[in-house]
Amino acid sequence: MPTEIYLVKVGMTMTEGMVSAWYVEDGAPVDRGEPLYALETEKINMDVEAETGGIVKHIATPGVMMEPGRVVGFIF
């Protein structure tokens, strides 16, 4: 069963953010703890790490704003 990759919520007031860049190519392997994507919000930029290892499938297009909690990809 695939693991969902979410747009993480940073802080109580965050209402939107985006994947500004994927560090792991679509279809490429990733290890647990490896930087997966760059999160950009109005107030902060940070790297989000993979929660598990596997093959990455992107759903979100970099640069598109969305609400926190949205699924941006999967790890199979």
N, C-alpha and C. Protein backbone atom coordinates (compact mmCIF):
# COMPACT_ATOMS: atom_id res chain seq x y z
N MET A 1 0.85 -1.19 0.00
CA MET A 1 0.00 0.00 0.00
C MET A 1 0.89 1.24 0.00
N PRO A 2 0.60 2.21 -0.86
CA PRO A 2 1.46 3.39 -0.93
C PRO A 2 1.31 4.28 0.30
N THR A 3 2.38 5.00 0.60
CA THR A 3 2.38 6.00 1.66
C THR A 3 2.11 7.36 1.03
N GLU A 4 1.13 8.08 1.55
CA GLU A 4 0.81 9.40 1.02
C GLU A 4 1.85 10.41 1.49
N ILE A 5 2.21 11.32 0.61
CA ILE A 5 3.09 12.45 0.93
C ILE A 5 2.20 13.67 1.00
N TYR A 6 2.21 14.35 2.14
CA TYR A 6 1.34 15.50 2.36
C TYR A 6 2.10 16.81 2.29
N LEU A 7 1.39 17.88 1.95
CA LEU A 7 1.93 19.22 2.12
C LEU A 7 1.82 19.51 3.61
N VAL A 8 2.96 19.55 4.28
CA VAL A 8 2.94 19.68 5.74
C VAL A 8 2.50 21.07 6.17
N LYS A 9 1.86 21.14 7.33
CA LYS A 9 1.45 22.41 7.91
C LYS A 9 2.51 22.83 8.91
N VAL A 10 2.99 24.05 8.73
CA VAL A 10 4.03 24.60 9.60
C VAL A 10 3.42 25.80 10.33
N GLY A 11 3.14 25.65 11.60
CA GLY A 11 2.55 26.74 12.37
C GLY A 11 1.03 26.74 12.30
N MET A 12 0.43 27.36 13.29
CA MET A 12 -1.03 27.38 13.41
C MET A 12 -1.71 28.29 12.38
N THR A 13 -0.99 29.28 11.87
CA THR A 13 -1.62 30.25 10.98
C THR A 13 -1.42 29.96 9.50
N MET A 14 -0.72 28.89 9.17
CA MET A 14 -0.47 28.57 7.76
C MET A 14 -1.77 28.18 7.07
N THR A 15 -2.08 28.88 5.98
CA THR A 15 -3.30 28.59 5.22
C THR A 15 -3.01 28.06 3.83
N GLU A 16 -1.80 28.28 3.33
CA GLU A 16 -1.43 27.75 2.02
C GLU A 16 0.08 27.65 1.91
N GLY A 17 0.50 26.82 1.00
CA GLY A 17 1.92 26.62 0.73
C GLY A 17 2.07 25.89 -0.59
N MET A 18 3.32 25.59 -0.94
CA MET A 18 3.53 24.88 -2.20
C MET A 18 4.81 24.06 -2.15
N VAL A 19 4.83 23.06 -3.00
CA VAL A 19 6.06 22.35 -3.28
C VAL A 19 6.80 23.25 -4.26
N SER A 20 7.91 23.84 -3.81
CA SER A 20 8.64 24.72 -4.73
C SER A 20 9.62 23.94 -5.59
N ALA A 21 10.03 22.75 -5.11
CA ALA A 21 10.92 21.88 -5.90
C ALA A 21 10.87 20.47 -5.34
N TRP A 22 10.94 19.51 -6.21
CA TRP A 22 11.09 18.11 -5.81
C TRP A 22 12.58 17.79 -5.83
N TYR A 23 13.10 17.19 -4.77
CA TYR A 23 14.51 16.78 -4.73
C TYR A 23 14.70 15.38 -5.29
N VAL A 24 13.63 14.59 -5.31
CA VAL A 24 13.68 13.23 -5.84
C VAL A 24 12.81 13.20 -7.09
N GLU A 25 13.38 12.75 -8.18
CA GLU A 25 12.65 12.69 -9.45
C GLU A 25 11.48 11.72 -9.38
N ASP A 26 10.46 12.00 -10.17
CA ASP A 26 9.31 11.11 -10.28
C ASP A 26 9.78 9.74 -10.77
N GLY A 27 9.43 8.69 -10.03
CA GLY A 27 9.82 7.33 -10.38
C GLY A 27 11.16 6.89 -9.82
N ALA A 28 11.82 7.78 -9.09
CA ALA A 28 13.14 7.46 -8.52
C ALA A 28 12.99 6.92 -7.10
N PRO A 29 13.96 6.15 -6.63
CA PRO A 29 13.91 5.65 -5.25
C PRO A 29 14.30 6.73 -4.25
N VAL A 30 13.76 6.61 -3.04
CA VAL A 30 14.09 7.50 -1.94
C VAL A 30 14.26 6.66 -0.68
N ASP A 31 15.15 7.09 0.20
CA ASP A 31 15.34 6.44 1.49
C ASP A 31 14.65 7.25 2.58
N ARG A 32 14.24 6.58 3.63
CA ARG A 32 13.63 7.26 4.78
C ARG A 32 14.60 8.32 5.30
N GLY A 33 14.09 9.53 5.55
CA GLY A 33 14.89 10.62 6.09
C GLY A 33 15.59 11.47 5.04
N GLU A 34 15.53 11.05 3.79
CA GLU A 34 16.15 11.81 2.70
C GLU A 34 15.27 13.00 2.35
N PRO A 35 15.87 14.17 2.06
CA PRO A 35 15.06 15.32 1.63
C PRO A 35 14.24 14.96 0.40
N LEU A 36 12.95 15.26 0.45
CA LEU A 36 12.01 14.85 -0.59
C LEU A 36 11.54 16.04 -1.44
N TYR A 37 11.11 17.11 -0.76
CA TYR A 37 10.69 18.30 -1.50
C TYR A 37 10.94 19.56 -0.67
N ALA A 38 10.98 20.69 -1.37
CA ALA A 38 11.11 21.99 -0.72
C ALA A 38 9.71 22.57 -0.53
N LEU A 39 9.40 22.92 0.71
CA LEU A 39 8.12 23.55 1.05
C LEU A 39 8.33 25.05 1.13
N GLU A 40 7.45 25.80 0.49
CA GLU A 40 7.51 27.25 0.54
C GLU A 40 6.17 27.79 0.99
N THR A 41 6.21 28.67 2.00
CA THR A 41 5.01 29.36 2.47
C THR A 41 5.30 30.86 2.47
N GLU A 42 4.33 31.62 2.91
CA GLU A 42 4.52 33.07 2.98
C GLU A 42 5.64 33.45 3.94
N LYS A 43 5.81 32.66 5.00
CA LYS A 43 6.76 33.01 6.05
C LYS A 43 7.99 32.12 6.16
N ILE A 44 7.98 30.94 5.56
CA ILE A 44 9.08 30.00 5.78
C ILE A 44 9.34 29.14 4.54
N ASN A 45 10.58 28.76 4.40
CA ASN A 45 10.99 27.77 3.40
C ASN A 45 11.70 26.66 4.16
N MET A 46 11.37 25.41 3.85
CA MET A 46 12.01 24.30 4.54
C MET A 46 12.00 23.06 3.67
N ASP A 47 12.87 22.12 4.00
CA ASP A 47 12.91 20.84 3.32
C ASP A 47 12.06 19.84 4.09
N VAL A 48 11.33 19.01 3.36
CA VAL A 48 10.51 17.96 3.95
C VAL A 48 11.15 16.62 3.60
N GLU A 49 11.33 15.77 4.62
CA GLU A 49 11.99 14.48 4.45
C GLU A 49 10.98 13.36 4.21
N ALA A 50 11.45 12.32 3.54
CA ALA A 50 10.63 11.14 3.29
C ALA A 50 10.40 10.39 4.60
N GLU A 51 9.16 10.00 4.86
CA GLU A 51 8.82 9.26 6.08
C GLU A 51 9.13 7.78 5.95
N THR A 52 9.29 7.31 4.73
CA THR A 52 9.59 5.90 4.47
C THR A 52 10.38 5.81 3.18
N GLY A 53 10.92 4.66 2.91
CA GLY A 53 11.65 4.46 1.67
C GLY A 53 10.77 3.83 0.61
N GLY A 54 11.14 4.02 -0.65
CA GLY A 54 10.40 3.42 -1.76
C GLY A 54 10.58 4.22 -3.03
N ILE A 55 9.64 4.08 -3.94
CA ILE A 55 9.65 4.78 -5.22
C ILE A 55 8.67 5.95 -5.16
N VAL A 56 9.13 7.13 -5.55
CA VAL A 56 8.34 8.36 -5.44
C VAL A 56 7.48 8.57 -6.69
N LYS A 57 6.23 8.97 -6.45
CA LYS A 57 5.31 9.37 -7.52
C LYS A 57 4.80 10.77 -7.19
N HIS A 58 5.11 11.76 -8.04
CA HIS A 58 4.65 13.13 -7.83
C HIS A 58 3.20 13.28 -8.26
N ILE A 59 2.47 14.11 -7.54
CA ILE A 59 1.14 14.54 -7.95
C ILE A 59 1.14 16.06 -8.10
N ALA A 60 1.75 16.75 -7.13
CA ALA A 60 1.78 18.21 -7.14
C ALA A 60 2.82 18.74 -8.12
N THR A 61 2.45 19.79 -8.82
CA THR A 61 3.36 20.49 -9.70
C THR A 61 4.05 21.59 -8.91
N PRO A 62 5.37 21.70 -8.97
CA PRO A 62 6.05 22.77 -8.24
C PRO A 62 5.51 24.14 -8.63
N GLY A 63 5.35 24.99 -7.60
CA GLY A 63 4.90 26.36 -7.82
C GLY A 63 3.41 26.57 -7.71
N VAL A 64 2.64 25.52 -7.48
CA VAL A 64 1.18 25.64 -7.36
C VAL A 64 0.79 25.70 -5.89
N MET A 65 0.15 26.80 -5.48
CA MET A 65 -0.26 26.97 -4.08
C MET A 65 -1.44 26.05 -3.77
N MET A 66 -1.44 25.51 -2.54
CA MET A 66 -2.53 24.65 -2.08
C MET A 66 -2.60 24.70 -0.56
N GLU A 67 -3.68 24.18 -0.01
CA GLU A 67 -3.86 24.19 1.43
C GLU A 67 -3.03 23.06 2.06
N PRO A 68 -2.58 23.26 3.30
CA PRO A 68 -1.84 22.20 3.98
C PRO A 68 -2.69 20.95 4.16
N GLY A 69 -2.04 19.81 4.14
CA GLY A 69 -2.73 18.54 4.30
C GLY A 69 -3.07 17.87 2.99
N ARG A 70 -2.94 18.58 1.87
CA ARG A 70 -3.21 17.99 0.55
C ARG A 70 -2.15 16.95 0.23
N VAL A 71 -2.56 15.91 -0.46
CA VAL A 71 -1.62 14.88 -0.91
C VAL A 71 -0.87 15.44 -2.12
N VAL A 72 0.47 15.43 -2.03
CA VAL A 72 1.30 15.95 -3.12
C VAL A 72 2.02 14.84 -3.88
N GLY A 73 1.95 13.62 -3.33
CA GLY A 73 2.59 12.49 -3.99
C GLY A 73 2.44 11.23 -3.17
N PHE A 74 3.10 10.17 -3.63
CA PHE A 74 3.07 8.87 -2.96
C PHE A 74 4.46 8.26 -2.95
N ILE A 75 4.69 7.38 -1.99
CA ILE A 75 5.88 6.53 -1.99
C ILE A 75 5.39 5.10 -2.02
N PHE A 76 5.79 4.35 -3.04
CA PHE A 76 5.39 2.96 -3.23
C PHE A 76 6.49 2.02 -2.77
